[in-house]
C-alpha atoms as a PDB file:
ATOM      1  CA  MET A   1     200.072 110.611-156.259  1.00  0.00           C
ATOM      2  CA  TRP A   2     200.509 106.802-156.034  1.00  0.00           C
ATOM      3  CA  LYS A   3     203.571 104.937-155.080  1.00  0.00           C
ATOM      4  CA  THR A   4     203.845 101.269-154.953  1.00  0.00           C
ATOM      5  CA  PHE A   5     206.630  99.256-153.095  1.00  0.00           C
ATOM      6  CA  LEU A   6     207.619  95.684-152.969  1.00  0.00           C
ATOM      7  CA  CYS A   7     208.446  94.726-149.365  1.00  0.00           C
ATOM      8  CA  GLN A   8     209.438  91.813-147.279  1.00  0.00           C
ATOM      9  CA  THR A   9     206.344  90.005-145.783  1.00  0.00           C
ATOM     10  CA  LEU A  10     208.169  89.067-142.517  1.00  0.00           C
ATOM     11  CA  THR A  11     209.107  92.554-141.655  1.00  0.00           C
ATOM     12  CA  GLY A  12     207.400  95.137-143.918  1.00  0.00           C
ATOM     13  CA  GLN A  13     210.824  96.304-145.023  1.00  0.00           C
ATOM     14  CA  PRO A  14     210.767  98.009-148.484  1.00  0.00           C
ATOM     15  CA  LEU A  15     212.915  96.298-151.075  1.00  0.00           C
ATOM     16  CA  MET A  16     212.148  98.497-154.267  1.00  0.00           C
ATOM     17  CA  GLN A  17     209.783 101.104-155.420  1.00  0.00           C
ATOM     18  CA  VAL A  18     207.747  99.781-158.470  1.00  0.00           C
ATOM     19  CA  ASP A  19     207.276 102.564-160.895  1.00  0.00           C
ATOM     20  CA  SER A  20     205.321 102.810-164.105  1.00  0.00           C
ATOM     21  CA  THR A  21     208.078 101.224-166.193  1.00  0.00           C
ATOM     22  CA  SER A  22     207.878  97.931-164.051  1.00  0.00           C
ATOM     23  CA  LEU A  23     204.122  97.723-163.272  1.00  0.00           C
ATOM     24  CA  SER A  24     201.713  97.761-166.178  1.00  0.00           C
ATOM     25  CA  ASP A  25     198.640  96.861-164.576  1.00  0.00           C
ATOM     26  CA  PHE A  26     197.357  96.751-161.051  1.00  0.00           C
ATOM     27  CA  SER A  27     194.030  96.220-159.184  1.00  0.00           C
ATOM     28  CA  TRP A  28     193.432  95.983-155.469  1.00  0.00           C
ATOM     29  CA  GLU A  29     190.595  95.972-152.943  1.00  0.00           C
ATOM     30  CA  ARG A  30     190.146  96.508-149.288  1.00  0.00           C
ATOM     31  CA  ARG A  31     187.430  94.727-147.571  1.00  0.00           C
ATOM     32  CA  LEU A  32     185.852  94.985-144.013  1.00  0.00           C
ATOM     33  CA  ASN A  33     185.260  91.499-142.383  1.00  0.00           C
ATOM     34  CA  GLY A  34     186.805  89.807-145.442  1.00  0.00           C
ATOM     35  CA  ILE A  35     189.852  89.414-147.700  1.00  0.00           C
ATOM     36  CA  GLY A  36     190.525  91.961-150.461  1.00  0.00           C
ATOM     37  CA  SER A  37     192.541  90.902-153.293  1.00  0.00           C
ATOM     38  CA  GLY A  38     193.588  91.778-156.846  1.00  0.00           C
ATOM     39  CA  SER A  39     196.319  91.304-159.446  1.00  0.00           C
ATOM     40  CA  ALA A  40     199.572  92.887-160.490  1.00  0.00           C
ATOM     41  CA  THR A  41     201.328  92.639-163.815  1.00  0.00           C
ATOM     42  CA  PHE A  42     205.072  93.306-163.711  1.00  0.00           C
ATOM     43  CA  VAL A  43     207.273  94.104-166.770  1.00  0.00           C
ATOM     44  CA  MET A  44     210.201  91.776-166.546  1.00  0.00           C
ATOM     45  CA  GLU A  45     212.854  94.315-167.712  1.00  0.00           C
ATOM     46  CA  GLY A  46     211.744  96.657-164.896  1.00  0.00           C
ATOM     47  CA  ILE A  47     212.361  94.113-162.056  1.00  0.00           C
ATOM     48  CA  GLY A  48     215.796  92.805-161.004  1.00  0.00           C
ATOM     49  CA  SER A  49     219.310  93.718-161.601  1.00  0.00           C
ATOM     50  CA  GLY A  50     222.752  92.109-162.725  1.00  0.00           C
ATOM     51  CA  SER A  51     224.995  92.061-165.511  1.00  0.00           C
ATOM     52  CA  SER A  52     223.694  88.802-167.181  1.00  0.00           C
ATOM     53  CA  ILE A  53     220.337  87.414-168.239  1.00  0.00           C
ATOM     54  CA  ALA A  54     220.819  84.821-165.524  1.00  0.00           C
ATOM     55  CA  ALA A  55     221.648  87.296-162.791  1.00  0.00           C
ATOM     56  CA  ARG A  56     218.755  89.511-163.676  1.00  0.00           C
ATOM     57  CA  ARG A  57     216.401  86.491-163.666  1.00  0.00           C
ATOM     58  CA  ASP A  58     217.709  85.381-160.233  1.00  0.00           C
ATOM     59  CA  SER A  59     217.318  88.842-158.821  1.00  0.00           C
ATOM     60  CA  ARG A  60     213.876  89.108-160.350  1.00  0.00           C
ATOM     61  CA  ARG A  61     212.544  85.838-159.021  1.00  0.00           C
ATOM     62  CA  LYS A  62     213.925  86.657-155.565  1.00  0.00           C
ATOM     63  CA  LEU A  63     212.091  89.931-155.614  1.00  0.00           C
ATOM     64  CA  LEU A  64     208.818  88.322-156.655  1.00  0.00           C
ATOM     65  CA  GLU A  65     208.952  85.365-154.414  1.00  0.00           C
ATOM     66  CA  PRO A  66     205.317  84.312-153.575  1.00  0.00           C
ATOM     67  CA  TRP A  67     204.289  84.739-149.994  1.00  0.00           C
ATOM     68  CA  SER A  68     207.611  86.180-149.055  1.00  0.00           C
ATOM     69  CA  ARG A  69     206.784  89.591-150.795  1.00  0.00           C
ATOM     70  CA  MET A  70     203.955  91.927-150.421  1.00  0.00           C
ATOM     71  CA  LEU A  71     202.813  94.936-152.394  1.00  0.00           C
ATOM     72  CA  VAL A  72     202.264  98.264-150.463  1.00  0.00           C
ATOM     73  CA  HIS A  73     200.202 100.902-152.415  1.00  0.00           C
ATOM     74  CA  CYS A  74     200.411 104.390-151.092  1.00  0.00           C
ATOM     75  CA  TRP A  75     198.717 107.671-151.786  1.00  0.00           C
ATOM     76  CA  ASN A  76     200.804 110.647-150.955  1.00  0.00           C
ATOM     77  CA  ASP A  77     202.858 108.453-148.766  1.00  0.00           C
ATOM     78  CA  ILE A  78     199.913 107.125-146.698  1.00  0.00           C
ATOM     79  CA  PRO A  79     199.543 103.371-147.202  1.00  0.00           C
ATOM     80  CA  ILE A  80     196.143 102.406-148.582  1.00  0.00           C
ATOM     81  CA  TYR A  81     196.669  98.742-149.448  1.00  0.00           C
ATOM     82  CA  ILE A  82     198.884  95.973-148.408  1.00  0.00           C
ATOM     83  CA  GLY A  83     198.666  92.546-150.233  1.00  0.00           C
ATOM     84  CA  VAL A  84     200.770  89.484-150.017  1.00  0.00           C
ATOM     85  CA  LEU A  85     201.915  88.073-153.440  1.00  0.00           C
ATOM     86  CA  THR A  86     200.326  84.577-153.573  1.00  0.00           C
ATOM     87  CA  ASN A  87     200.439  83.103-157.135  1.00  0.00           C
ATOM     88  CA  PRO A  88     202.214  83.830-160.402  1.00  0.00           C
ATOM     89  CA  SER A  89     199.074  83.330-162.420  1.00  0.00           C
ATOM     90  CA  LYS A  90     200.455  84.186-165.944  1.00  0.00           C
ATOM     91  CA  VAL A  91     204.045  84.469-167.258  1.00  0.00           C
ATOM     92  CA  THR A  92     204.846  85.651-170.789  1.00  0.00           C
ATOM     93  CA  ALA A  93     208.189  86.478-172.373  1.00  0.00           C
ATOM     94  CA  THR A  94     207.906  90.124-171.118  1.00  0.00           C
ATOM     95  CA  THR A  95     205.595  90.207-168.126  1.00  0.00           C
ATOM     96  CA  VAL A  96     204.496  88.229-165.173  1.00  0.00           C
ATOM     97  CA  THR A  97     201.188  88.529-163.293  1.00  0.00           C
ATOM     98  CA  PHE A  98     200.645  87.849-159.719  1.00  0.00           C
ATOM     99  CA  ASP A  99     197.557  87.428-157.668  1.00  0.00           C
ATOM    100  CA  HIS A 100     197.726  89.195-154.401  1.00  0.00           C
ATOM    101  CA  SER A 101     195.522  89.195-151.141  1.00  0.00           C
ATOM    102  CA  GLU A 102     195.226  90.965-147.930  1.00  0.00           C
ATOM    103  CA  ILE A 103     196.853  89.354-144.804  1.00  0.00           C
ATOM    104  CA  ARG A 104     194.003  87.143-143.868  1.00  0.00           C
ATOM    105  CA  GLU A 105     194.774  84.973-146.833  1.00  0.00           C
ATOM    106  CA  VAL A 106     197.907  83.999-144.744  1.00  0.00           C
ATOM    107  CA  PHE A 107     195.660  83.051-141.825  1.00  0.00           C
ATOM    108  CA  LYS A 108     194.247  80.216-143.994  1.00  0.00           C
ATOM    109  CA  SER A 109     197.666  78.480-143.750  1.00  0.00           C
ATOM    110  CA  ARG A 110     198.145  79.189-139.928  1.00  0.00           C
ATOM    111  CA  LYS A 111     196.749  76.799-137.270  1.00  0.00           C
ATOM    112  CA  THR A 112     195.819  77.386-133.653  1.00  0.00           C
ATOM    113  CA  ILE A 113     198.146  74.753-132.474  1.00  0.00           C
ATOM    114  CA  GLY A 114     200.863  77.118-131.207  1.00  0.00           C
ATOM    115  CA  VAL A 115     204.380  77.240-130.301  1.00  0.00           C
ATOM    116  CA  SER A 116     204.699  73.762-128.785  1.00  0.00           C
ATOM    117  CA  GLY A 117     203.652  72.041-132.051  1.00  0.00           C
ATOM    118  CA  TYR A 118     201.134  69.296-132.451  1.00  0.00           C
ATOM    119  CA  ASP A 119     199.905  67.229-129.523  1.00  0.00           C
ATOM    120  CA  PRO A 120     197.217  64.556-129.923  1.00  0.00           C
ATOM    121  CA  LYS A 121     195.746  65.713-126.531  1.00  0.00           C
ATOM    122  CA  GLY A 122     196.580  69.340-127.269  1.00  0.00           C
ATOM    123  CA  LEU A 123     194.064  72.100-126.975  1.00  0.00           C
ATOM    124  CA  ARG A 124     193.695  75.829-126.577  1.00  0.00           C
ATOM    125  CA  ARG A 125     190.891  77.131-124.440  1.00  0.00           C
ATOM    126  CA  VAL A 126     189.656  80.682-123.863  1.00  0.00           C
ATOM    127  CA  THR A 127     186.955  81.194-121.064  1.00  0.00           C
ATOM    128  CA  ASN A 128     184.753  84.143-120.245  1.00  0.00           C
ATOM    129  CA  GLU A 129     186.283  86.680-122.573  1.00  0.00           C
ATOM    130  CA  SER A 130     184.691  89.180-125.044  1.00  0.00           C
ATOM    131  CA  HIS A 131     184.467  88.466-128.848  1.00  0.00           C
ATOM    132  CA  VAL A 132     187.019  91.210-129.212  1.00  0.00           C
ATOM    133  CA  SER A 133     189.583  89.506-126.839  1.00  0.00           C
ATOM    134  CA  ILE A 134     189.208  86.141-128.506  1.00  0.00           C
ATOM    135  CA  ALA A 135     189.783  87.585-131.898  1.00  0.00           C
ATOM    136  CA  GLY A 136     192.894  89.287-130.623  1.00  0.00           C
ATOM    137  CA  ARG A 137     194.234  85.996-129.233  1.00  0.00           C
ATOM    138  CA  LEU A 138     193.627  84.316-132.574  1.00  0.00           C
ATOM    139  CA  ILE A 139     195.652  87.213-134.449  1.00  0.00           C
ATOM    140  CA  ARG A 140     198.356  86.841-131.950  1.00  0.00           C
ATOM    141  CA  TRP A 141     198.489  82.964-132.437  1.00  0.00           C
ATOM    142  CA  ALA A 142     198.703  83.639-136.230  1.00  0.00           C
ATOM    143  CA  CYS A 143     202.071  85.471-135.658  1.00  0.00           C
ATOM    144  CA  GLU A 144     203.588  82.901-133.528  1.00  0.00           C
ATOM    145  CA  GLY A 145     204.974  79.284-134.017  1.00  0.00           C
ATOM    146  CA  PRO A 146     207.347  76.492-132.991  1.00  0.00           C
ATOM    147  CA  SER A 147     210.199  78.998-132.164  1.00  0.00           C
ATOM    148  CA  TYR A 148     210.904  79.920-135.869  1.00  0.00           C
ATOM    149  CA  ALA A 149     211.265  83.440-136.980  1.00  0.00           C
ATOM    150  CA  ASN A 150     209.309  82.803-140.181  1.00  0.00           C
ATOM    151  CA  TRP A 151     206.080  83.011-138.173  1.00  0.00           C
ATOM    152  CA  MET A 152     206.404  86.837-137.859  1.00  0.00           C
ATOM    153  CA  LEU A 153     204.106  89.100-139.639  1.00  0.00           C
ATOM    154  CA  PRO A 154     204.195  92.822-139.868  1.00  0.00           C
ATOM    155  CA  MET A 155     201.478  93.247-137.267  1.00  0.00           C
ATOM    156  CA  ALA A 156     200.736  95.497-134.296  1.00  0.00           C
ATOM    157  CA  MET A 157     199.513  92.916-131.637  1.00  0.00           C
ATOM    158  CA  PRO A 158     195.905  93.557-130.414  1.00  0.00           C
ATOM    159  CA  PRO A 159     194.932  93.650-126.685  1.00  0.00           C
ATOM    160  CA  VAL A 160     193.598  90.629-125.083  1.00  0.00           C
ATOM    161  CA  GLY A 161     192.281  89.505-121.738  1.00  0.00           C
ATOM    162  CA  MET A 162     188.939  91.547-121.830  1.00  0.00           C
ATOM    163  CA  SER A 163     186.256  89.798-119.906  1.00  0.00           C
ATOM    164  CA  GLY A 164     182.900  88.755-121.422  1.00  0.00           C
ATOM    165  CA  ASN A 165     180.558  85.821-121.784  1.00  0.00           C
ATOM    166  CA  GLN A 166     182.198  84.040-124.635  1.00  0.00           C
ATOM    167  CA  SER A 167     184.314  80.621-124.268  1.00  0.00           C
ATOM    168  CA  ARG A 168     186.097  78.579-127.037  1.00  0.00           C
ATOM    169  CA  THR A 169     187.961  75.464-127.185  1.00  0.00           C
ATOM    170  CA  TRP A 170     190.185  74.339-130.163  1.00  0.00           C
ATOM    171  CA  HIS A 171     191.551  70.776-130.177  1.00  0.00           C
ATOM    172  CA  ASP A 172     194.874  70.097-132.196  1.00  0.00           C
ATOM    173  CA  TYR A 173     193.387  66.965-133.705  1.00  0.00           C
ATOM    174  CA  ASN A 174     190.850  69.092-135.583  1.00  0.00           C
ATOM    175  CA  MET A 175     193.538  71.093-137.190  1.00  0.00           C
ATOM    176  CA  PRO A 176     191.682  74.501-136.917  1.00  0.00           C
ATOM    177  CA  THR A 177     192.931  77.326-139.015  1.00  0.00           C
ATOM    178  CA  ILE A 178     193.123  80.751-137.703  1.00  0.00           C
ATOM    179  CA  GLU A 179     191.095  82.222-140.571  1.00  0.00           C
ATOM    180  CA  ASP A 180     188.201  79.855-140.007  1.00  0.00           C
ATOM    181  CA  GLU A 181     188.062  80.583-136.339  1.00  0.00           C
ATOM    182  CA  LEU A 182     188.403  84.213-136.783  1.00  0.00           C
ATOM    183  CA  ALA A 183     185.500  84.166-139.203  1.00  0.00           C
ATOM    184  CA  GLU A 184     183.376  82.186-136.634  1.00  0.00           C
ATOM    185  CA  ILE A 185     183.934  84.782-133.963  1.00  0.00           C
ATOM    186  CA  GLN A 186     183.245  87.604-136.435  1.00  0.00           C
ATOM    187  CA  ASP A 187     180.023  86.056-137.625  1.00  0.00           C
ATOM    188  CA  ASP A 188     178.676  85.272-134.358  1.00  0.00           C
ATOM    189  CA  ASP A 189     175.815  87.267-132.900  1.00  0.00           C
ATOM    190  CA  GLY A 190     177.449  90.358-131.376  1.00  0.00           C
ATOM    191  CA  GLY A 191     180.649  89.398-133.030  1.00  0.00           C
ATOM    192  CA  PRO A 192     183.263  92.248-133.883  1.00  0.00           C
ATOM    193  CA  ASP A 193     184.004  93.947-137.114  1.00  0.00           C
ATOM    194  CA  ILE A 194     187.584  93.061-138.269  1.00  0.00           C
ATOM    195  CA  ASP A 195     189.917  95.218-140.312  1.00  0.00           C
ATOM    196  CA  PHE A 196     193.665  95.317-140.829  1.00  0.00           C
ATOM    197  CA  ARG A 197     194.633  98.879-141.570  1.00  0.00           C
ATOM    198  CA  PRO A 198     197.850  99.626-143.409  1.00  0.00           C
ATOM    199  CA  ARG A 199     200.222 101.705-141.415  1.00  0.00           C
ATOM    200  CA  VAL A 200     203.913 103.140-141.682  1.00  0.00           C
ATOM    201  CA  ARG A 201     206.430 103.288-138.908  1.00  0.00           C
ATOM    202  CA  PRO A 202     208.865 106.194-138.465  1.00  0.00           C
ATOM    203  CA  ASP A 203     211.717 103.962-139.913  1.00  0.00           C
ATOM    204  CA  GLY A 204     209.737 103.486-143.123  1.00  0.00           C
ATOM    205  CA  THR A 205     208.731  99.901-142.730  1.00  0.00           C
ATOM    206  CA  TYR A 206     205.002  99.089-143.210  1.00  0.00           C
ATOM    207  CA  TYR A 207     202.714  97.088-140.948  1.00  0.00           C
ATOM    208  CA  LEU A 208     199.169  96.283-140.296  1.00  0.00           C
ATOM    209  CA  GLU A 209     197.171  97.644-137.364  1.00  0.00           C
ATOM    210  CA  PRO A 210     194.276  95.291-136.260  1.00  0.00           C
ATOM    211  CA  ARG A 211     190.913  97.018-135.731  1.00  0.00           C
ATOM    212  CA  LEU A 212     188.358  95.076-133.765  1.00  0.00           C
ATOM    213  CA  GLY A 213     184.822  95.932-132.421  1.00  0.00           C
ATOM    214  CA  ASN A 214     182.206  98.226-133.576  1.00  0.00           C
ATOM    215  CA  LEU A 215     184.364 100.052-136.143  1.00  0.00           C
ATOM    216  CA  ASP A 216     183.535 103.768-136.965  1.00  0.00           C
ATOM    217  CA  GLY A 217     185.526 106.657-138.402  1.00  0.00           C
ATOM    218  CA  PRO A 218     184.819 110.274-139.470  1.00  0.00           C
ATOM    219  CA  LEU A 219     181.525 110.923-141.471  1.00  0.00           C
ATOM    220  CA  LEU A 220     181.833 111.619-145.195  1.00  0.00           C
ATOM    221  CA  GLU A 221     179.102 113.096-147.321  1.00  0.00           C
ATOM    222  CA  TRP A 222     178.563 112.752-151.281  1.00  0.00           C
ATOM    223  CA  ILE A 223     176.014 114.582-153.339  1.00  0.00           C
ATOM    224  CA  TYR A 224     174.753 112.608-156.414  1.00  0.00           C
ATOM    225  CA  SER A 225     172.389 113.800-159.049  1.00  0.00           C
ATOM    226  CA  ALA A 226     171.660 111.365-161.859  1.00  0.00           C
ATOM    227  CA  SER A 227     171.292 114.133-164.343  1.00  0.00           C
ATOM    228  CA  ARG A 228     174.322 116.274-163.327  1.00  0.00           C
ATOM    229  CA  SER A 229     176.840 114.758-161.107  1.00  0.00           C
ATOM    230  CA  SER A 230     180.637 115.058-160.645  1.00  0.00           C
ATOM    231  CA  LEU A 231     180.615 111.478-159.231  1.00  0.00           C
ATOM    232  CA  ALA A 232     181.143 109.154-162.213  1.00  0.00           C
ATOM    233  CA  GLU A 233     178.750 106.442-161.427  1.00  0.00           C
ATOM    234  CA  LEU A 234     176.370 105.179-158.660  1.00  0.00           C
ATOM    235  CA  SER A 235     174.883 101.539-158.745  1.00  0.00           C
ATOM    236  CA  LEU A 236     173.424  99.179-156.473  1.00  0.00           C
ATOM    237  CA  ASP A 237     174.139  95.405-156.196  1.00  0.00           C
ATOM    238  CA  GLY A 238     171.578  93.221-154.395  1.00  0.00           C
ATOM    239  CA  ASN A 239     172.119  89.942-152.626  1.00  0.00           C
ATOM    240  CA  GLY A 240     168.637  88.532-152.700  1.00  0.00           C
ATOM    241  CA  ASP A 241     170.224  84.971-153.551  1.00  0.00           C
ATOM    242  CA  GLN A 242     171.523  84.986-149.968  1.00  0.00           C
ATOM    243  CA  GLN A 243     168.266  85.744-148.279  1.00  0.00           C
ATOM    244  CA  ALA A 244     166.779  83.355-145.782  1.00  0.00           C
ATOM    245  CA  ASN A 245     164.176  83.306-142.961  1.00  0.00           C
ATOM    246  CA  VAL A 246     164.963  79.979-141.486  1.00  0.00           C
ATOM    247  CA  ILE A 247     168.509  79.202-140.345  1.00  0.00           C
ATOM    248  CA  TYR A 248     169.924  75.860-139.187  1.00  0.00           C
ATOM    249  CA  ALA A 249     173.247  76.154-137.514  1.00  0.00           C
ATOM    250  CA  THR A 250     175.027  72.833-137.379  1.00  0.00           C
ATOM    251  CA  GLY A 251     178.003  72.049-135.130  1.00  0.00           C
ATOM    252  CA  ASP A 252     179.988  69.080-133.969  1.00  0.00           C
ATOM    253  CA  GLY A 253     178.885  65.409-134.649  1.00  0.00           C
ATOM    254  CA  SER A 254     177.312  63.617-137.564  1.00  0.00           C
ATOM    255  CA  GLU A 255     173.992  61.855-138.572  1.00  0.00           C
ATOM    256  CA  GLN A 256     171.663  61.535-135.477  1.00  0.00           C
ATOM    257  CA  LYS A 257     174.298  63.015-133.242  1.00  0.00           C
ATOM    258  CA  LEU A 258     174.868  66.188-135.158  1.00  0.00           C
ATOM    259  CA  LEU A 259     174.288  69.298-133.018  1.00  0.00           C
ATOM    260  CA  VAL A 260     171.787  71.616-134.394  1.00  0.00           C
ATOM    261  CA  ARG A 261     170.162  74.919-133.440  1.00  0.00           C
ATOM    262  CA  SER A 262     167.753  77.051-135.492  1.00  0.00           C
ATOM    263  CA  ALA A 263     166.252  80.440-135.805  1.00  0.00           C
ATOM    264  CA  TRP A 264     163.060  81.531-137.667  1.00  0.00           C
ATOM    265  CA  GLN A 265     161.715  84.736-139.183  1.00  0.00           C
ATOM    266  CA  THR A 266     160.945  87.272-136.682  1.00  0.00           C
ATOM    267  CA  SER A 267     159.355  90.027-139.129  1.00  0.00           C
ATOM    268  CA  SER A 268     155.679  90.397-139.805  1.00  0.00           C
ATOM    269  CA  ASP A 269     155.964  90.006-143.585  1.00  0.00           C
ATOM    270  CA  THR A 270     153.601  87.262-144.212  1.00  0.00           C
ATOM    271  CA  ASP A 271     153.938  87.777-148.035  1.00  0.00           C
ATOM    272  CA  MET A 272     157.485  86.387-147.936  1.00  0.00           C
ATOM    273  CA  ILE A 273     157.884  82.534-148.813  1.00  0.00           C
ATOM    274  CA  ALA A 274     159.921  80.331-146.625  1.00  0.00           C
ATOM    275  CA  LEU A 275     163.586  80.066-147.526  1.00  0.00           C
ATOM    276  CA  GLU A 276     165.700  77.592-145.513  1.00  0.00           C
ATOM    277  CA  VAL A 277     169.532  77.389-145.185  1.00  0.00           C
ATOM    278  CA  ASP A 278     172.118  75.618-143.193  1.00  0.00           C
ATOM    279  CA  GLU A 279     175.388  76.947-141.995  1.00  0.00           C
ATOM    280  CA  SER A 280     178.109  74.603-140.639  1.00  0.00           C
ATOM    281  CA  TYR A 281     180.331  75.380-137.592  1.00  0.00           C
ATOM    282  CA  SER A 282     181.844  71.890-137.330  1.00  0.00           C
ATOM    283  CA  GLN A 283     184.318  72.811-134.417  1.00  0.00           C
ATOM    284  CA  LEU A 284     181.453  74.088-132.029  1.00  0.00           C
ATOM    285  CA  LYS A 285     180.261  71.750-129.215  1.00  0.00           C
ATOM    286  CA  SER A 286     178.268  74.369-127.538  1.00  0.00           C
ATOM    287  CA  GLY A 287     174.466  74.633-128.184  1.00  0.00           C
ATOM    288  CA  SER A 288     174.267  78.180-127.032  1.00  0.00           C
ATOM    289  CA  ALA A 289     177.077  79.216-129.211  1.00  0.00           C
ATOM    290  CA  LEU A 290     175.331  77.690-132.229  1.00  0.00           C
ATOM    291  CA  GLN A 291     172.116  79.294-131.236  1.00  0.00           C
ATOM    292  CA  SER A 292     173.970  82.633-131.345  1.00  0.00           C
ATOM    293  CA  HIS A 293     175.018  81.982-134.842  1.00  0.00           C
ATOM    294  CA  ALA A 294     171.676  81.116-136.040  1.00  0.00           C
ATOM    295  CA  ALA A 295     170.340  84.358-134.417  1.00  0.00           C
ATOM    296  CA  SER A 296     172.930  86.232-136.171  1.00  0.00           C
ATOM    297  CA  GLY A 297     172.095  84.683-139.429  1.00  0.00           C
ATOM    298  CA  ILE A 298     168.432  85.324-139.111  1.00  0.00           C
ATOM    299  CA  SER A 299     168.847  88.959-138.342  1.00  0.00           C
ATOM    300  CA  SER A 300     171.129  89.526-141.223  1.00  0.00           C
ATOM    301  CA  ARG A 301     169.450  87.566-143.972  1.00  0.00           C
ATOM    302  CA  GLN A 302     165.674  88.074-143.570  1.00  0.00           C
ATOM    303  CA  LYS A 303     165.918  91.225-145.864  1.00  0.00           C
ATOM    304  CA  PRO A 304     168.066  91.623-149.029  1.00  0.00           C
ATOM    305  CA  VAL A 305     170.914  94.019-148.600  1.00  0.00           C
ATOM    306  CA  SER A 306     171.968  96.393-151.384  1.00  0.00           C
ATOM    307  CA  ASP A 307     175.603  97.233-151.866  1.00  0.00           C
ATOM    308  CA  TRP A 308     176.015 100.930-152.966  1.00  0.00           C
ATOM    309  CA  ARG A 309     178.958 101.327-155.393  1.00  0.00           C
ATOM    310  CA  LEU A 310     179.998 104.988-155.889  1.00  0.00           C
ATOM    311  CA  ASP A 311     182.902 106.025-157.979  1.00  0.00           C
ATOM    312  CA  VAL A 312     185.028 108.863-156.704  1.00  0.00           C
ATOM    313  CA  ARG A 313     188.450 110.291-157.189  1.00  0.00           C
ATOM    314  CA  ALA A 314     191.642 109.555-155.205  1.00  0.00           C
ATOM    315  CA  ASP A 315     192.577 113.157-155.290  1.00  0.00           C
ATOM    316  CA  GLY A 316     188.929 114.502-154.719  1.00  0.00           C
ATOM    317  CA  ILE A 317     187.266 115.987-151.600  1.00  0.00           C
ATOM    318  CA  PRO A 318     186.986 113.710-149.581  1.00  0.00           C
ATOM    319  CA  GLY A 319     190.089 111.809-150.817  1.00  0.00           C
ATOM    320  CA  VAL A 320     191.258 108.276-150.682  1.00  0.00           C
ATOM    321  CA  GLY A 321     193.436 109.142-147.666  1.00  0.00           C
ATOM    322  CA  GLU A 322     190.349 109.820-145.628  1.00  0.00           C
ATOM    323  CA  LEU A 323     188.687 106.467-146.235  1.00  0.00           C
ATOM    324  CA  VAL A 324     188.404 104.203-143.063  1.00  0.00           C
ATOM    325  CA  LEU A 325     186.516 100.959-143.234  1.00  0.00           C
ATOM    326  CA  GLY A 326     183.557 100.840-141.099  1.00  0.00           C
ATOM    327  CA  GLN A 327     183.059 104.716-141.171  1.00  0.00           C
ATOM    328  CA  PRO A 328     179.632 106.369-141.707  1.00  0.00           C
ATOM    329  CA  HIS A 329     178.929 107.762-145.196  1.00  0.00           C
ATOM    330  CA  ARG A 330     175.803 109.755-146.246  1.00  0.00           C
ATOM    331  CA  VAL A 331     174.815 109.928-149.989  1.00  0.00           C
ATOM    332  CA  TYR A 332     172.186 112.533-151.172  1.00  0.00           C
ATOM    333  CA  THR A 333     170.494 111.242-154.427  1.00  0.00           C
ATOM    334  CA  THR A 334     168.312 113.144-156.850  1.00  0.00           C
ATOM    335  CA  ASP A 335     166.672 112.452-160.135  1.00  0.00           C
ATOM    336  CA  HIS A 336     167.499 108.648-159.994  1.00  0.00           C
ATOM    337  CA  PRO A 337     164.987 106.339-161.557  1.00  0.00           C
ATOM    338  CA  TRP A 338     165.196 103.738-158.701  1.00  0.00           C
ATOM    339  CA  ILE A 339     166.606 105.381-155.648  1.00  0.00           C
ATOM    340  CA  PHE A 340     164.646 108.047-153.769  1.00  0.00           C
ATOM    341  CA  ASP A 341     165.321 111.711-153.508  1.00  0.00           C
ATOM    342  CA  ARG A 342     166.890 111.765-149.995  1.00  0.00           C
ATOM    343  CA  TRP A 343     169.866 111.400-147.880  1.00  0.00           C
ATOM    344  CA  SER A 344     170.820 107.697-147.312  1.00  0.00           C
ATOM    345  CA  ASP A 345     172.747 106.745-144.181  1.00  0.00           C
ATOM    346  CA  LEU A 346     175.353 103.958-145.231  1.00  0.00           C
ATOM    347  CA  ARG A 347     178.577 102.394-143.928  1.00  0.00           C
ATOM    348  CA  LEU A 348     181.935 101.872-145.809  1.00  0.00           C
ATOM    349  CA  VAL A 349     182.467  98.204-146.060  1.00  0.00           C
ATOM    350  CA  GLY A 350     185.079  98.149-149.071  1.00  0.00           C
ATOM    351  CA  PHE A 351     186.791 100.221-151.643  1.00  0.00           C
ATOM    352  CA  LYS A 352     189.003  99.385-154.484  1.00  0.00           C
ATOM    353  CA  GLY A 353     191.116 100.844-157.287  1.00  0.00           C
ATOM    354  CA  GLY A 354     194.042 100.464-159.504  1.00  0.00           C
ATOM    355  CA  LEU A 355     196.885 102.823-160.993  1.00  0.00           C
ATOM    356  CA  ASP A 356     194.625 105.530-161.909  1.00  0.00           C
ATOM    357  CA  HIS A 357     192.670 108.068-159.802  1.00  0.00           C
ATOM    358  CA  LYS A 358     189.275 105.986-159.790  1.00  0.00           C
ATOM    359  CA  ILE A 359     188.104 104.680-156.378  1.00  0.00           C
ATOM    360  CA  THR A 360     185.060 102.668-156.160  1.00  0.00           C
ATOM    361  CA  LEU A 361     183.391 102.724-152.647  1.00  0.00           C
ATOM    362  CA  GLN A 362     181.286  99.852-151.482  1.00  0.00           C
ATOM    363  CA  MET A 363     178.703 100.866-148.868  1.00  0.00           C
ATOM    364  CA  GLN A 364     175.800  99.242-147.146  1.00  0.00           C
END
């Protein structure tokens, strides 16, 4: 069964359990290499304590303070989703609805500047390390600041210092954000998958475990028959609007001094029309790093990718507690008017749910 907790964002310490009398609606999503999000509608009377309206209001507003609070959603005491409250998007006389997002949303408001604060000549440089090591450093920097305790996040620190062929420099005057630079490393040719898996410590506090690299997990299998299936629904979402076979990666500079590298179609499909796109990496001054991004883009965008969406039950076999982003999934389909009768080898890139037992898997 589901249990949901309001926790302190700094420490992961639970503040209260949110039961069905205080949470009327809830949606959430876990995403590999991205930021899952959702919304939560709280019933006013179920949140806060005190002997007067004013006291209960003060208590309620403290418990639902944006950014300082996070929601932890657990299945049979296993944390499945952790989302930081970001915005009270709607307030009525009886309810308040909050948007919430996974921890990388916080990284949009964290800089690479570091513990010494801004310096016009300041920079951070990493030389000859792996993509995974540089991603780990960025995550560590997201959790440290100018000697203030409120830079903490409930995060296990990833390893760093692994050798490789990657080098990066971040200048303070560019005000680089952790999320932008983490996405740049992730999207580079050979870049790592990134996931922050919810965990619980023996003392009952919740935290996030960074998973970096070629992420995997135990194989799960599903049988789907369009005419008789216990799986509620199977659908495919295409991304043909993202397709391209000429990529221009742009870096530092402007006008005639703009640094540009490109990559072109490598398949033998001569029936495909030319589709050009440009991708900006304004912090990059390295031509080889830009070329790597162009190569990554051309390899991933030449062909459309279909997202498989499969509805399963949280209490099914396999169940929601067995889901790990990046793990392989095999789906056997029969009698479908579009999908061939066969096993399809896929990978779990996201899943979402709510307060009920329905879980929607996203696979590619």
